[in-house]
Amino acid sequence: MELLSLLNNNLSFKNRTDWDKTLLLLEETFKSPETLKLKGIALSLVEAVRLMDGFIQENTAVVCPECVKVCCKNKHSYYDHEDLIFIYSLGKKAPRYEPEIDDDDACRFIAANGCTLERALRPFRCNWYFCGPLIKHMEEGPQKAYRRFIAIFHDTIDLRRRLLGDFFALIK
């Protein structure tokens, strides 16, 4: 029950006590054999994201280099409680945060060629934020590829909901 009370929109790595306690409790929770079903859902989610990666990369390669207002800010690189559930269901751990990096600085995971994190392991908000010019470029491109992307995107949302729903049902 303690874990349930910590997993909410107020969870932040800046509150080190609650953050560290949450990570410890997640690690313990995911040692249970009952969570294997969650790992299967999470792996399906990873695969769905990988299916979309090429389409996203093709479009960001055209739009993002021309951008004058980079959206990859450090404040968006933090995992929220739902991201943590996903990451731990894969048997992985959240990255250590560096409090000396300001929220408005460039994301600590951004490099010259884009994000250094595998797309499937990025915070949800990073993966699914598309600025206006990027959306326009995707919509105006080949329609078959765009429709496939949208269909897989919807599947991804459904898988994430299922993972979170099953997780919360398990810990109640």
Protein backbone atom coordinates (compact mmCIF):
# COMPACT_ATOMS: atom_id res chain seq x y z
CA MET A 1 0.00 0.00 0.00
CA GLU A 2 2.90 2.35 0.63
CA LEU A 3 3.94 2.02 -3.01
CA LEU A 4 0.43 2.86 -4.15
CA SER A 5 0.47 6.08 -2.14
CA LEU A 6 3.82 7.13 -3.68
CA LEU A 7 2.88 6.47 -7.31
CA ASN A 8 1.12 9.67 -8.31
CA ASN A 9 1.64 12.85 -10.29
CA ASN A 10 3.44 14.48 -7.35
CA LEU A 11 6.32 12.00 -7.44
CA SER A 12 9.52 13.82 -8.39
CA PHE A 13 13.18 12.93 -8.28
CA LYS A 14 13.66 16.29 -6.55
CA ASN A 15 12.05 14.79 -3.45
CA ARG A 16 14.89 12.32 -2.92
CA THR A 17 13.28 10.55 0.03
CA ASP A 18 10.05 9.63 -1.77
CA TRP A 19 11.87 9.04 -5.06
CA ASP A 20 14.41 6.62 -3.59
CA LYS A 21 11.72 4.85 -1.55
CA THR A 22 9.57 4.45 -4.68
CA LEU A 23 12.45 2.99 -6.67
CA LEU A 24 13.25 0.54 -3.89
CA LEU A 25 9.61 -0.54 -3.59
CA LEU A 26 9.30 -0.94 -7.37
CA GLU A 27 12.42 -3.06 -7.44
CA GLU A 28 11.00 -5.27 -4.69
CA THR A 29 7.58 -5.48 -6.37
CA PHE A 30 9.07 -6.58 -9.67
CA LYS A 31 10.91 -9.48 -8.02
CA SER A 32 7.54 -11.17 -7.65
CA PRO A 33 6.68 -13.86 -10.24
CA GLU A 34 3.21 -12.28 -10.47
CA THR A 35 4.77 -9.42 -12.45
CA LEU A 36 5.95 -11.61 -15.35
CA LYS A 37 2.72 -10.84 -17.21
CA LEU A 38 3.61 -7.15 -16.94
CA LYS A 39 7.01 -7.79 -18.48
CA GLY A 40 5.31 -9.41 -21.46
CA ILE A 41 3.10 -6.36 -21.97
CA ALA A 42 6.09 -4.04 -21.58
CA LEU A 43 8.06 -6.01 -24.19
CA SER A 44 5.12 -5.70 -26.59
CA LEU A 45 5.15 -1.97 -25.92
CA VAL A 46 8.88 -1.78 -26.70
CA GLU A 47 8.28 -3.61 -29.98
CA ALA A 48 5.44 -1.25 -30.94
CA VAL A 49 7.66 1.77 -30.29
CA ARG A 50 10.42 0.21 -32.38
CA LEU A 51 7.97 -0.22 -35.26
CA MET A 52 7.34 3.53 -35.24
CA ASP A 53 10.93 4.61 -34.74
CA GLY A 54 11.92 4.69 -38.41
CA PHE A 55 8.96 6.86 -39.37
CA ILE A 56 9.64 9.28 -36.53
CA GLN A 57 13.38 9.40 -37.31
CA GLU A 58 12.74 10.14 -40.99
CA ASN A 59 10.55 13.08 -40.08
CA THR A 60 12.61 14.51 -37.22
CA ALA A 61 15.74 14.30 -39.41
CA VAL A 62 14.10 16.81 -41.75
CA VAL A 63 12.28 19.08 -39.29
CA CYS A 64 14.40 19.20 -36.13
CA PRO A 65 17.74 20.41 -37.55
CA GLU A 66 15.99 23.55 -38.83
CA CYS A 67 14.35 24.30 -35.49
CA VAL A 68 15.23 27.54 -33.73
CA LYS A 69 13.45 26.64 -30.46
CA VAL A 70 14.68 23.26 -29.30
CA CYS A 71 12.02 21.43 -27.29
CA CYS A 72 14.40 18.91 -25.72
CA LYS A 73 14.70 20.57 -22.31
CA ASN A 74 16.07 18.86 -19.23
CA LYS A 75 12.74 19.26 -17.42
CA HIS A 76 11.16 16.84 -19.90
CA SER A 77 13.77 14.14 -19.30
CA TYR A 78 12.41 13.09 -15.91
CA TYR A 79 10.50 9.86 -15.61
CA ASP A 80 7.07 10.15 -14.05
CA HIS A 81 5.48 7.40 -11.97
CA GLU A 82 3.98 5.69 -15.02
CA ASP A 83 7.34 5.72 -16.81
CA LEU A 84 8.91 4.11 -13.74
CA ILE A 85 6.35 1.30 -13.77
CA PHE A 86 7.16 0.64 -17.43
CA ILE A 87 10.94 0.78 -16.93
CA TYR A 88 10.87 -1.52 -13.90
CA SER A 89 8.54 -3.96 -15.65
CA LEU A 90 11.35 -4.40 -18.18
CA GLY A 91 13.81 -5.15 -15.40
CA LYS A 92 15.60 -1.85 -15.94
CA LYS A 93 16.22 1.07 -13.60
CA ALA A 94 15.62 4.77 -13.90
CA PRO A 95 18.70 6.85 -14.70
CA ARG A 96 20.29 8.86 -11.91
CA TYR A 97 19.41 12.50 -12.20
CA GLU A 98 21.89 15.31 -11.93
CA PRO A 99 20.32 18.06 -9.82
CA GLU A 100 22.96 20.56 -10.91
CA ILE A 101 21.47 20.64 -14.42
CA ASP A 102 18.82 23.33 -14.63
CA ASP A 103 15.34 22.37 -15.84
CA ASP A 104 15.56 24.81 -18.77
CA ASP A 105 18.97 23.59 -19.92
CA ALA A 106 19.19 21.29 -22.90
CA CYS A 107 18.23 17.74 -22.03
CA ARG A 108 21.16 15.84 -20.65
CA PHE A 109 20.38 12.97 -23.04
CA ILE A 110 20.49 15.10 -26.21
CA ALA A 111 23.52 14.81 -28.48
CA ALA A 112 24.43 16.14 -31.91
CA ASN A 113 22.50 13.32 -33.60
CA GLY A 114 19.48 13.38 -31.28
CA CYS A 115 18.58 11.54 -28.12
CA THR A 116 21.06 9.07 -26.68
CA LEU A 117 18.30 6.99 -25.07
CA GLU A 118 16.66 4.23 -27.04
CA ARG A 119 13.24 5.59 -28.06
CA ALA A 120 11.33 2.89 -26.19
CA LEU A 121 13.12 3.78 -22.93
CA ARG A 122 12.59 7.53 -23.06
CA PRO A 123 10.06 9.25 -20.82
CA PHE A 124 6.61 8.99 -22.37
CA ARG A 125 6.33 12.77 -22.77
CA CYS A 126 9.55 12.87 -24.80
CA ASN A 127 8.47 10.18 -27.23
CA TRP A 128 5.06 11.55 -27.94
CA TYR A 129 5.54 15.29 -28.06
CA PHE A 130 5.32 16.44 -31.65
CA CYS A 131 5.56 20.15 -32.39
CA GLY A 132 3.34 21.76 -35.02
CA PRO A 133 5.94 21.72 -37.84
CA LEU A 134 6.71 18.05 -37.19
CA ILE A 135 3.05 17.04 -37.21
CA LYS A 136 2.51 18.98 -40.43
CA HIS A 137 5.49 17.30 -42.06
CA MET A 138 4.28 13.83 -41.02
CA GLU A 139 0.73 14.51 -42.21
CA GLU A 140 1.90 15.83 -45.57
CA GLY A 141 4.22 12.90 -46.23
CA PRO A 142 3.34 9.50 -47.65
CA GLN A 143 -0.16 8.71 -46.39
CA LYS A 144 0.28 4.95 -46.13
CA ALA A 145 3.25 5.40 -43.77
CA TYR A 146 1.38 8.01 -41.75
CA ARG A 147 -1.72 5.81 -41.36
CA ARG A 148 0.47 2.90 -40.25
CA PHE A 149 2.19 5.16 -37.72
CA ILE A 150 -1.17 6.34 -36.33
CA ALA A 151 -2.46 2.76 -36.03
CA ILE A 152 0.66 1.61 -34.18
CA PHE A 153 0.55 4.74 -32.03
CA HIS A 154 -2.98 3.84 -30.91
CA ASP A 155 -1.84 0.28 -30.19
CA THR A 156 0.99 1.72 -28.10
CA ILE A 157 -1.40 3.83 -26.05
CA ASP A 158 -3.62 0.78 -25.48
CA LEU A 159 -0.65 -1.36 -24.39
CA ARG A 160 0.50 1.31 -21.95
CA ARG A 161 -2.98 1.59 -20.45
CA ARG A 162 -3.14 -2.18 -20.10
CA LEU A 163 0.29 -2.32 -18.45
CA LEU A 164 -0.62 0.39 -15.95
CA GLY A 165 -4.08 -1.03 -15.27
CA ASP A 166 -2.70 -4.52 -14.66
CA PHE A 167 0.07 -3.15 -12.45
CA PHE A 168 -2.30 -1.14 -10.24
CA ALA A 169 -4.69 -4.10 -10.01
CA LEU A 170 -1.77 -6.26 -8.89
CA ILE A 171 -0.58 -3.98 -6.09
CA LYS A 172 -4.00 -3.12 -4.63
